[in-house]
Amino acid sequence: MASFNMPYTLRSTETLLDIASDVIRLLRLTGETVGVAESLTAGGVMAALTSVPGASAVFRGGVVSYATQLKQLLLNVDKELIAREGVIHADVAMQMAEGARKATTFDDTPTTWGIGTTGVAGPDSQDGKPVGTVFIGIASPHGTQAWGPFSFPGSRERVREATVAEALSRLRDALAAGTRE
């Protein structure tokens, strides 16, 4: 039987710091970088990443685009898409992730990965979507993918915490898959 070397430690329980630490370690291992575009999480993903010592080597920065217009202006999210679907949509999350990569690219060195989070933290529904509805986008040079809709239960803060943890877990899984290839 072939040995399988996990690029991070599987845990029965883990904290947000554990997940963020895995992401930073994997980015450093591969020499890659990340940029973030957040809506409902309002900087929570960026805060989690930068809580890890050494994050500055791989974390480029990000945009908190709480207002719909900022999604269009800063992240180049398609205005017609927003008019048709609203901002709580998989394609919006993907375009936010792509916009995060572009917004954090400098010195002719593209940012490798982008994360986009959009959803409804509450207390009220938005665009006909109930509280707890979330989409997460992750962009890389190889393509962009969205996950969702998630339906995270609980308070406003719980929805935001769950979104941050899920976004970083999805990025960690994508990074780990790349280290096994």
N, C-alpha and C. Protein backbone atom coordinates (compact mmCIF):
# COMPACT_ATOMS: atom_id res chain seq x y z
N MET A 1 0.85 -1.17 0.00
CA MET A 1 0.00 0.00 0.00
C MET A 1 0.89 1.24 0.00
N ALA A 2 0.61 2.17 -0.91
CA ALA A 2 1.40 3.40 -1.02
C ALA A 2 1.13 4.30 0.18
N SER A 3 2.18 4.96 0.64
CA SER A 3 1.98 5.89 1.75
C SER A 3 1.40 7.18 1.21
N PHE A 4 0.57 7.80 1.99
CA PHE A 4 -0.07 9.05 1.61
C PHE A 4 0.37 10.11 2.59
N ASN A 5 1.02 11.12 2.10
CA ASN A 5 1.53 12.19 2.94
C ASN A 5 0.57 13.37 2.90
N MET A 6 -0.18 13.58 3.96
CA MET A 6 -1.12 14.70 4.03
C MET A 6 -0.34 16.00 4.17
N PRO A 7 -0.70 17.01 3.39
CA PRO A 7 0.02 18.28 3.47
C PRO A 7 -0.38 19.12 4.68
N TYR A 8 -1.37 18.68 5.42
CA TYR A 8 -1.73 19.33 6.68
C TYR A 8 -2.28 18.27 7.63
N THR A 9 -2.36 18.62 8.89
CA THR A 9 -2.78 17.66 9.91
C THR A 9 -4.30 17.59 9.99
N LEU A 10 -4.85 16.43 9.79
CA LEU A 10 -6.29 16.24 9.98
C LEU A 10 -6.57 16.23 11.48
N ARG A 11 -7.59 16.96 11.91
CA ARG A 11 -7.92 17.07 13.32
C ARG A 11 -9.38 16.69 13.53
N SER A 12 -9.69 16.14 14.69
CA SER A 12 -11.09 15.85 14.99
C SER A 12 -11.83 17.13 15.36
N THR A 13 -11.11 18.07 15.92
CA THR A 13 -11.65 19.40 16.16
C THR A 13 -10.56 20.38 15.77
N GLU A 14 -10.95 21.52 15.25
CA GLU A 14 -9.96 22.51 14.88
C GLU A 14 -10.53 23.90 15.02
N THR A 15 -9.65 24.83 15.27
CA THR A 15 -10.05 26.22 15.42
C THR A 15 -9.83 26.95 14.10
N LEU A 16 -10.35 28.15 14.03
CA LEU A 16 -10.12 28.99 12.86
C LEU A 16 -8.62 29.26 12.71
N LEU A 17 -7.92 29.44 13.81
CA LEU A 17 -6.48 29.64 13.75
C LEU A 17 -5.77 28.42 13.15
N ASP A 18 -6.23 27.21 13.47
CA ASP A 18 -5.66 26.00 12.87
C ASP A 18 -5.80 26.03 11.35
N ILE A 19 -7.00 26.34 10.89
CA ILE A 19 -7.26 26.35 9.45
C ILE A 19 -6.42 27.43 8.77
N ALA A 20 -6.43 28.64 9.33
CA ALA A 20 -5.67 29.74 8.75
C ALA A 20 -4.17 29.42 8.75
N SER A 21 -3.68 28.79 9.80
CA SER A 21 -2.27 28.41 9.88
C SER A 21 -1.92 27.41 8.79
N ASP A 22 -2.81 26.45 8.54
CA ASP A 22 -2.59 25.50 7.46
C ASP A 22 -2.51 26.22 6.11
N VAL A 23 -3.42 27.16 5.88
CA VAL A 23 -3.43 27.91 4.62
C VAL A 23 -2.12 28.67 4.44
N ILE A 24 -1.69 29.39 5.46
CA ILE A 24 -0.46 30.17 5.36
C ILE A 24 0.73 29.25 5.12
N ARG A 25 0.79 28.14 5.84
CA ARG A 25 1.90 27.20 5.67
C ARG A 25 1.93 26.62 4.26
N LEU A 26 0.76 26.25 3.73
CA LEU A 26 0.70 25.69 2.38
C LEU A 26 1.06 26.74 1.32
N LEU A 27 0.62 27.97 1.51
CA LEU A 27 0.99 29.03 0.57
C LEU A 27 2.50 29.25 0.58
N ARG A 28 3.06 29.28 1.78
CA ARG A 28 4.51 29.47 1.89
C ARG A 28 5.26 28.31 1.24
N LEU A 29 4.78 27.10 1.46
CA LEU A 29 5.40 25.89 0.90
C LEU A 29 5.45 25.94 -0.62
N THR A 30 4.38 26.45 -1.23
CA THR A 30 4.29 26.48 -2.69
C THR A 30 4.75 27.80 -3.29
N GLY A 31 5.08 28.78 -2.45
CA GLY A 31 5.51 30.08 -2.95
C GLY A 31 4.39 30.86 -3.62
N GLU A 32 3.17 30.63 -3.16
CA GLU A 32 2.01 31.29 -3.74
C GLU A 32 1.47 32.37 -2.82
N THR A 33 0.54 33.18 -3.36
CA THR A 33 -0.01 34.30 -2.61
C THR A 33 -1.53 34.28 -2.68
N VAL A 34 -2.16 35.08 -1.80
CA VAL A 34 -3.63 35.14 -1.77
C VAL A 34 -4.09 36.58 -1.56
N GLY A 35 -5.20 36.90 -2.21
CA GLY A 35 -5.91 38.16 -2.01
C GLY A 35 -7.37 37.83 -1.72
N VAL A 36 -8.06 38.74 -1.05
CA VAL A 36 -9.41 38.45 -0.56
C VAL A 36 -10.37 39.57 -0.92
N ALA A 37 -11.61 39.21 -1.26
CA ALA A 37 -12.70 40.15 -1.44
C ALA A 37 -13.86 39.67 -0.58
N GLU A 38 -14.27 40.51 0.36
CA GLU A 38 -15.29 40.09 1.32
C GLU A 38 -16.48 41.04 1.31
N SER A 39 -17.64 40.48 1.49
CA SER A 39 -18.84 41.26 1.69
C SER A 39 -19.36 40.98 3.09
N LEU A 40 -20.16 39.92 3.25
CA LEU A 40 -20.78 39.68 4.55
C LEU A 40 -19.78 39.44 5.67
N THR A 41 -18.59 38.95 5.36
CA THR A 41 -17.60 38.66 6.40
C THR A 41 -16.82 39.90 6.81
N ALA A 42 -16.91 40.97 6.05
CA ALA A 42 -16.42 42.30 6.42
C ALA A 42 -14.99 42.32 6.98
N GLY A 43 -14.11 41.55 6.37
CA GLY A 43 -12.72 41.52 6.80
C GLY A 43 -12.37 40.34 7.68
N GLY A 44 -13.31 39.48 7.97
CA GLY A 44 -13.05 38.33 8.84
C GLY A 44 -12.06 37.34 8.25
N VAL A 45 -12.10 37.13 6.95
CA VAL A 45 -11.15 36.21 6.31
C VAL A 45 -9.75 36.81 6.40
N MET A 46 -9.65 38.10 6.10
CA MET A 46 -8.35 38.77 6.17
C MET A 46 -7.80 38.76 7.59
N ALA A 47 -8.66 39.00 8.57
CA ALA A 47 -8.23 38.99 9.97
C ALA A 47 -7.73 37.61 10.38
N ALA A 48 -8.43 36.58 9.95
CA ALA A 48 -8.01 35.21 10.29
C ALA A 48 -6.64 34.90 9.69
N LEU A 49 -6.45 35.25 8.43
CA LEU A 49 -5.18 34.97 7.77
C LEU A 49 -4.03 35.73 8.43
N THR A 50 -4.26 36.99 8.73
CA THR A 50 -3.17 37.81 9.28
C THR A 50 -2.94 37.59 10.77
N SER A 51 -3.74 36.75 11.39
CA SER A 51 -3.50 36.38 12.78
C SER A 51 -2.37 35.35 12.88
N VAL A 52 -1.97 34.80 11.74
CA VAL A 52 -0.93 33.77 11.70
C VAL A 52 0.43 34.44 11.51
N PRO A 53 1.40 34.16 12.38
CA PRO A 53 2.74 34.70 12.18
C PRO A 53 3.31 34.28 10.82
N GLY A 54 3.90 35.22 10.12
CA GLY A 54 4.46 34.95 8.81
C GLY A 54 3.51 35.15 7.66
N ALA A 55 2.28 35.58 7.95
CA ALA A 55 1.28 35.76 6.90
C ALA A 55 1.71 36.80 5.86
N SER A 56 2.51 37.77 6.27
CA SER A 56 2.90 38.84 5.34
C SER A 56 3.69 38.31 4.15
N ALA A 57 4.26 37.15 4.25
CA ALA A 57 5.01 36.57 3.13
C ALA A 57 4.10 36.12 1.99
N VAL A 58 2.81 35.87 2.29
CA VAL A 58 1.92 35.30 1.29
C VAL A 58 0.58 36.01 1.15
N PHE A 59 0.19 36.79 2.17
CA PHE A 59 -1.09 37.50 2.11
C PHE A 59 -0.85 38.88 1.50
N ARG A 60 -1.52 39.16 0.39
CA ARG A 60 -1.31 40.41 -0.32
C ARG A 60 -2.21 41.54 0.17
N GLY A 61 -3.43 41.23 0.56
CA GLY A 61 -4.38 42.26 0.97
C GLY A 61 -5.76 41.90 0.47
N GLY A 62 -6.64 42.90 0.53
CA GLY A 62 -7.98 42.61 0.09
C GLY A 62 -8.88 43.82 0.09
N VAL A 63 -10.14 43.54 -0.25
CA VAL A 63 -11.17 44.57 -0.38
C VAL A 63 -12.38 44.11 0.42
N VAL A 64 -12.89 45.01 1.26
CA VAL A 64 -14.20 44.78 1.88
C VAL A 64 -15.19 45.58 1.05
N SER A 65 -16.00 44.87 0.30
CA SER A 65 -16.95 45.50 -0.62
C SER A 65 -18.36 45.27 -0.11
N TYR A 66 -18.66 45.89 1.01
CA TYR A 66 -19.97 45.73 1.61
C TYR A 66 -21.06 46.32 0.72
N ALA A 67 -20.77 47.47 0.13
CA ALA A 67 -21.74 48.13 -0.76
C ALA A 67 -21.71 47.48 -2.14
N THR A 68 -22.87 47.30 -2.71
CA THR A 68 -22.98 46.69 -4.03
C THR A 68 -22.15 47.43 -5.07
N GLN A 69 -22.17 48.76 -5.04
CA GLN A 69 -21.43 49.55 -6.03
C GLN A 69 -19.93 49.29 -5.96
N LEU A 70 -19.41 49.01 -4.77
CA LEU A 70 -17.98 48.73 -4.65
C LEU A 70 -17.62 47.39 -5.29
N LYS A 71 -18.54 46.46 -5.26
CA LYS A 71 -18.30 45.19 -5.95
C LYS A 71 -18.08 45.45 -7.44
N GLN A 72 -18.85 46.37 -7.99
CA GLN A 72 -18.71 46.72 -9.40
C GLN A 72 -17.45 47.55 -9.65
N LEU A 73 -17.24 48.58 -8.85
CA LEU A 73 -16.13 49.51 -9.08
C LEU A 73 -14.75 48.91 -8.78
N LEU A 74 -14.61 48.24 -7.67
CA LEU A 74 -13.30 47.75 -7.24
C LEU A 74 -12.98 46.33 -7.68
N LEU A 75 -14.03 45.52 -7.87
CA LEU A 75 -13.81 44.11 -8.16
C LEU A 75 -14.28 43.70 -9.55
N ASN A 76 -14.89 44.65 -10.27
CA ASN A 76 -15.36 44.41 -11.63
C ASN A 76 -16.44 43.34 -11.70
N VAL A 77 -17.30 43.28 -10.68
CA VAL A 77 -18.45 42.36 -10.74
C VAL A 77 -19.45 42.96 -11.73
N ASP A 78 -19.93 42.11 -12.60
CA ASP A 78 -20.80 42.53 -13.70
C ASP A 78 -22.11 43.15 -13.21
N LYS A 79 -22.36 44.36 -13.67
CA LYS A 79 -23.55 45.11 -13.26
C LYS A 79 -24.84 44.39 -13.69
N GLU A 80 -24.84 43.82 -14.89
CA GLU A 80 -26.03 43.11 -15.39
C GLU A 80 -26.30 41.85 -14.56
N LEU A 81 -25.24 41.17 -14.16
CA LEU A 81 -25.39 39.99 -13.29
C LEU A 81 -26.07 40.39 -11.99
N ILE A 82 -25.61 41.48 -11.39
CA ILE A 82 -26.20 41.94 -10.13
C ILE A 82 -27.65 42.34 -10.34
N ALA A 83 -27.94 43.03 -11.44
CA ALA A 83 -29.32 43.44 -11.71
C ALA A 83 -30.23 42.23 -11.89
N ARG A 84 -29.71 41.19 -12.52
CA ARG A 84 -30.49 40.00 -12.82
C ARG A 84 -30.63 39.06 -11.62
N GLU A 85 -29.52 38.84 -10.87
CA GLU A 85 -29.50 37.82 -9.82
C GLU A 85 -29.38 38.36 -8.40
N GLY A 86 -28.95 39.62 -8.26
CA GLY A 86 -28.64 40.15 -6.95
C GLY A 86 -27.20 39.80 -6.60
N VAL A 87 -26.73 40.27 -5.45
CA VAL A 87 -25.32 40.03 -5.08
C VAL A 87 -25.11 38.71 -4.36
N ILE A 88 -26.17 38.03 -3.95
CA ILE A 88 -26.04 36.75 -3.27
C ILE A 88 -26.16 35.65 -4.32
N HIS A 89 -25.06 35.36 -5.00
CA HIS A 89 -25.10 34.44 -6.14
C HIS A 89 -23.71 33.85 -6.35
N ALA A 90 -23.66 32.63 -6.84
CA ALA A 90 -22.39 31.94 -7.08
C ALA A 90 -21.49 32.71 -8.05
N ASP A 91 -22.07 33.24 -9.12
CA ASP A 91 -21.27 33.97 -10.11
C ASP A 91 -20.68 35.25 -9.52
N VAL A 92 -21.40 35.88 -8.61
CA VAL A 92 -20.87 37.07 -7.93
C VAL A 92 -19.68 36.67 -7.07
N ALA A 93 -19.79 35.57 -6.34
CA ALA A 93 -18.67 35.10 -5.51
C ALA A 93 -17.45 34.82 -6.37
N MET A 94 -17.66 34.21 -7.53
CA MET A 94 -16.53 33.91 -8.42
C MET A 94 -15.90 35.19 -8.96
N GLN A 95 -16.73 36.13 -9.38
CA GLN A 95 -16.19 37.39 -9.89
C GLN A 95 -15.49 38.19 -8.79
N MET A 96 -15.97 38.10 -7.58
CA MET A 96 -15.28 38.74 -6.45
C MET A 96 -13.90 38.12 -6.23
N ALA A 97 -13.83 36.79 -6.30
CA ALA A 97 -12.54 36.10 -6.12
C ALA A 97 -11.57 36.50 -7.22
N GLU A 98 -12.05 36.56 -8.45
CA GLU A 98 -11.21 36.99 -9.56
C GLU A 98 -10.77 38.44 -9.38
N GLY A 99 -11.71 39.28 -8.91
CA GLY A 99 -11.39 40.68 -8.64
C GLY A 99 -10.37 40.84 -7.53
N ALA A 100 -10.42 39.95 -6.55
CA ALA A 100 -9.43 39.99 -5.45
C ALA A 100 -8.04 39.71 -5.98
N ARG A 101 -7.92 38.75 -6.87
CA ARG A 101 -6.60 38.46 -7.48
C ARG A 101 -6.09 39.68 -8.22
N LYS A 102 -6.94 40.31 -9.01
CA LYS A 102 -6.52 41.47 -9.80
C LYS A 102 -6.20 42.66 -8.91
N ALA A 103 -7.03 42.91 -7.92
CA ALA A 103 -6.84 44.08 -7.06
C ALA A 103 -5.56 44.00 -6.23
N THR A 104 -5.09 42.79 -5.99
CA THR A 104 -3.90 42.62 -5.14
C THR A 104 -2.65 42.25 -5.93
N THR A 105 -2.74 42.32 -7.25
CA THR A 105 -1.58 42.08 -8.11
C THR A 105 -0.77 43.36 -8.21
N PHE A 106 0.55 43.24 -8.08
CA PHE A 106 1.43 44.41 -8.23
C PHE A 106 2.80 43.96 -8.73
N ASP A 107 3.59 44.92 -9.20
CA ASP A 107 4.94 44.67 -9.71
C ASP A 107 4.97 43.54 -10.74
N ASP A 108 3.95 43.49 -11.58
CA ASP A 108 3.86 42.46 -12.62
C ASP A 108 3.90 41.04 -12.07
N THR A 109 3.55 40.89 -10.78
CA THR A 109 3.50 39.56 -10.17
C THR A 109 2.06 39.28 -9.76
N PRO A 110 1.36 38.43 -10.52
CA PRO A 110 -0.05 38.17 -10.19
C PRO A 110 -0.21 37.48 -8.84
N THR A 111 -1.26 37.84 -8.16
CA THR A 111 -1.64 37.11 -6.95
C THR A 111 -2.17 35.75 -7.40
N THR A 112 -1.73 34.69 -6.74
CA THR A 112 -2.04 33.34 -7.17
C THR A 112 -3.50 32.97 -6.93
N TRP A 113 -3.96 33.23 -5.71
CA TRP A 113 -5.30 32.80 -5.30
C TRP A 113 -6.15 33.99 -4.90
N GLY A 114 -7.46 33.89 -5.15
CA GLY A 114 -8.42 34.88 -4.68
C GLY A 114 -9.58 34.20 -4.01
N ILE A 115 -10.05 34.82 -2.94
CA ILE A 115 -11.24 34.33 -2.24
C ILE A 115 -12.30 35.41 -2.32
N GLY A 116 -13.55 35.03 -2.56
CA GLY A 116 -14.68 35.94 -2.53
C GLY A 116 -15.79 35.38 -1.66
N THR A 117 -16.33 36.23 -0.78
CA THR A 117 -17.45 35.80 0.07
C THR A 117 -18.62 36.75 -0.10
N THR A 118 -19.79 36.20 -0.32
CA THR A 118 -21.00 37.00 -0.41
C THR A 118 -22.16 36.20 0.19
N GLY A 119 -23.05 36.89 0.86
CA GLY A 119 -24.17 36.20 1.49
C GLY A 119 -24.98 37.11 2.37
N VAL A 120 -25.87 36.50 3.14
CA VAL A 120 -26.78 37.22 4.01
C VAL A 120 -26.51 36.84 5.46
N ALA A 121 -25.95 37.77 6.21
CA ALA A 121 -25.67 37.51 7.63
C ALA A 121 -26.88 37.83 8.51
N GLY A 122 -27.77 38.65 8.02
CA GLY A 122 -28.95 39.01 8.81
C GLY A 122 -28.84 40.39 9.40
N PRO A 123 -29.84 40.85 10.03
CA PRO A 123 -31.01 40.11 10.51
C PRO A 123 -32.11 39.91 9.47
N ASP A 124 -32.04 40.62 8.34
CA ASP A 124 -33.10 40.52 7.34
C ASP A 124 -32.61 39.80 6.09
N SER A 125 -33.55 39.25 5.32
CA SER A 125 -33.20 38.62 4.05
C SER A 125 -32.75 39.70 3.07
N GLN A 126 -32.11 39.27 1.98
CA GLN A 126 -31.64 40.22 0.97
C GLN A 126 -31.78 39.57 -0.40
N ASP A 127 -32.23 40.34 -1.36
CA ASP A 127 -32.39 39.85 -2.74
C ASP A 127 -33.23 38.57 -2.78
N GLY A 128 -34.18 38.44 -1.86
CA GLY A 128 -35.02 37.26 -1.81
C GLY A 128 -34.34 36.03 -1.23
N LYS A 129 -33.15 36.19 -0.69
CA LYS A 129 -32.40 35.08 -0.09
C LYS A 129 -32.51 35.15 1.42
N PRO A 130 -32.76 34.03 2.08
CA PRO A 130 -32.91 34.04 3.53
C PRO A 130 -31.57 34.22 4.25
N VAL A 131 -31.67 34.65 5.49
CA VAL A 131 -30.49 34.79 6.35
C VAL A 131 -29.75 33.45 6.41
N GLY A 132 -28.44 33.51 6.30
CA GLY A 132 -27.62 32.30 6.34
C GLY A 132 -27.20 31.79 4.98
N THR A 133 -27.78 32.35 3.91
CA THR A 133 -27.42 31.95 2.55
C THR A 133 -26.07 32.56 2.20
N VAL A 134 -25.13 31.72 1.77
CA VAL A 134 -23.76 32.16 1.50
C VAL A 134 -23.21 31.47 0.26
N PHE A 135 -22.41 32.21 -0.50
CA PHE A 135 -21.63 31.66 -1.60
C PHE A 135 -20.18 32.04 -1.40
N ILE A 136 -19.29 31.13 -1.74
CA ILE A 136 -17.84 31.34 -1.63
C ILE A 136 -17.23 31.06 -2.99
N GLY A 137 -16.37 31.98 -3.43
CA GLY A 137 -15.65 31.78 -4.68
C GLY A 137 -14.16 31.69 -4.41
N ILE A 138 -13.49 30.84 -5.18
CA ILE A 138 -12.03 30.75 -5.12
C ILE A 138 -11.52 30.76 -6.55
N ALA A 139 -10.57 31.70 -6.79
CA ALA A 139 -9.97 31.84 -8.11
C ALA A 139 -8.49 31.50 -8.04
N SER A 140 -8.00 30.88 -9.09
CA SER A 140 -6.57 30.57 -9.23
C SER A 140 -6.21 30.76 -10.70
N PRO A 141 -4.93 30.64 -11.03
CA PRO A 141 -4.57 30.75 -12.45
C PRO A 141 -5.19 29.64 -13.31
N HIS A 142 -5.67 28.58 -12.67
CA HIS A 142 -6.23 27.44 -13.39
C HIS A 142 -7.75 27.50 -13.53
N GLY A 143 -8.38 28.51 -12.93
CA GLY A 143 -9.82 28.63 -13.03
C GLY A 143 -10.45 29.12 -11.75
N THR A 144 -11.74 29.28 -11.80
CA THR A 144 -12.51 29.81 -10.67
C THR A 144 -13.67 28.88 -10.39
N GLN A 145 -13.94 28.70 -9.11
CA GLN A 145 -15.02 27.81 -8.70
C GLN A 145 -15.81 28.48 -7.58
N ALA A 146 -17.09 28.16 -7.52
CA ALA A 146 -17.94 28.65 -6.43
C ALA A 146 -18.54 27.47 -5.68
N TRP A 147 -18.78 27.69 -4.41
CA TRP A 147 -19.47 26.72 -3.55
C TRP A 147 -20.68 27.42 -2.95
N GLY A 148 -21.75 26.66 -2.80
CA GLY A 148 -22.96 27.18 -2.22
C GLY A 148 -24.14 26.85 -3.12
N PRO A 149 -25.32 27.20 -2.70
CA PRO A 149 -25.54 28.02 -1.51
C PRO A 149 -25.42 27.20 -0.23
N PHE A 150 -24.66 27.76 0.70
CA PHE A 150 -24.65 27.24 2.05
C PHE A 150 -25.83 27.85 2.78
N SER A 151 -26.30 27.15 3.78
CA SER A 151 -27.36 27.67 4.64
C SER A 151 -26.87 27.55 6.08
N PHE A 152 -26.10 28.55 6.51
CA PHE A 152 -25.53 28.53 7.85
C PHE A 152 -26.55 29.02 8.86
N PRO A 153 -26.83 28.22 9.88
CA PRO A 153 -27.83 28.61 10.88
C PRO A 153 -27.21 29.51 11.96
N GLY A 154 -28.09 30.15 12.69
CA GLY A 154 -27.65 30.88 13.87
C GLY A 154 -27.68 32.38 13.71
N SER A 155 -27.02 33.02 14.65
CA SER A 155 -26.98 34.48 14.71
C SER A 155 -26.15 35.06 13.56
N ARG A 156 -26.23 36.35 13.42
CA ARG A 156 -25.44 37.07 12.43
C ARG A 156 -23.96 36.74 12.55
N GLU A 157 -23.45 36.78 13.78
CA GLU A 157 -22.04 36.49 14.01
C GLU A 157 -21.70 35.04 13.68
N ARG A 158 -22.58 34.13 13.99
CA ARG A 158 -22.35 32.72 13.69
C ARG A 158 -22.29 32.47 12.18
N VAL A 159 -23.17 33.13 11.42
CA VAL A 159 -23.16 32.99 9.96
C VAL A 159 -21.82 33.49 9.41
N ARG A 160 -21.37 34.62 9.91
CA ARG A 160 -20.09 35.18 9.45
C ARG A 160 -18.92 34.27 9.83
N GLU A 161 -18.90 33.77 11.05
CA GLU A 161 -17.83 32.86 11.49
C GLU A 161 -17.80 31.59 10.65
N ALA A 162 -18.97 31.04 10.39
CA ALA A 162 -19.05 29.82 9.58
C ALA A 162 -18.55 30.08 8.16
N THR A 163 -18.85 31.24 7.63
CA THR A 163 -18.41 31.59 6.28
C THR A 163 -16.89 31.70 6.22
N VAL A 164 -16.29 32.37 7.19
CA VAL A 164 -14.83 32.51 7.22
C VAL A 164 -14.17 31.13 7.29
N ALA A 165 -14.65 30.29 8.19
CA ALA A 165 -14.07 28.96 8.35
C ALA A 165 -14.24 28.13 7.07
N GLU A 166 -15.40 28.20 6.46
CA GLU A 166 -15.65 27.42 5.23
C GLU A 166 -14.78 27.92 4.09
N ALA A 167 -14.65 29.23 3.93
CA ALA A 167 -13.84 29.79 2.85
C ALA A 167 -12.38 29.36 2.99
N LEU A 168 -11.85 29.45 4.20
CA LEU A 168 -10.45 29.06 4.41
C LEU A 168 -10.27 27.55 4.28
N SER A 169 -11.25 26.77 4.70
CA SER A 169 -11.18 25.32 4.52
C SER A 169 -11.17 24.94 3.05
N ARG A 170 -11.99 25.63 2.24
CA ARG A 170 -12.02 25.35 0.80
C ARG A 170 -10.69 25.71 0.15
N LEU A 171 -10.11 26.84 0.56
CA LEU A 171 -8.80 27.20 0.02
C LEU A 171 -7.75 26.20 0.45
N ARG A 172 -7.78 25.80 1.71
CA ARG A 172 -6.83 24.81 2.20
C ARG A 172 -6.92 23.52 1.40
N ASP A 173 -8.14 23.06 1.12
CA ASP A 173 -8.31 21.83 0.34
C ASP A 173 -7.75 21.99 -1.07
N ALA A 174 -7.97 23.15 -1.68
CA ALA A 174 -7.44 23.39 -3.03
C ALA A 174 -5.91 23.42 -3.00
N LEU A 175 -5.34 24.06 -2.00
CA LEU A 175 -3.88 24.10 -1.88
C LEU A 175 -3.31 22.70 -1.62
N ALA A 176 -3.96 21.95 -0.76
CA ALA A 176 -3.49 20.59 -0.45
C ALA A 176 -3.56 19.70 -1.68
N ALA A 177 -4.60 19.85 -2.47
CA ALA A 177 -4.72 19.05 -3.69
C ALA A 177 -3.57 19.38 -4.66
N GLY A 178 -3.17 20.63 -4.70
CA GLY A 178 -2.06 21.03 -5.57
C GLY A 178 -0.73 20.48 -5.11
N THR A 179 -0.55 20.30 -3.81
CA THR A 179 0.74 19.79 -3.31
C THR A 179 0.86 18.29 -3.53
N ARG A 180 -0.24 17.60 -3.84
CA ARG A 180 -0.21 16.16 -4.06
C ARG A 180 -0.02 15.81 -5.54
N GLU A 181 -0.14 16.81 -6.40
CA GLU A 181 -0.06 16.53 -7.84
C GLU A 181 1.36 16.31 -8.29
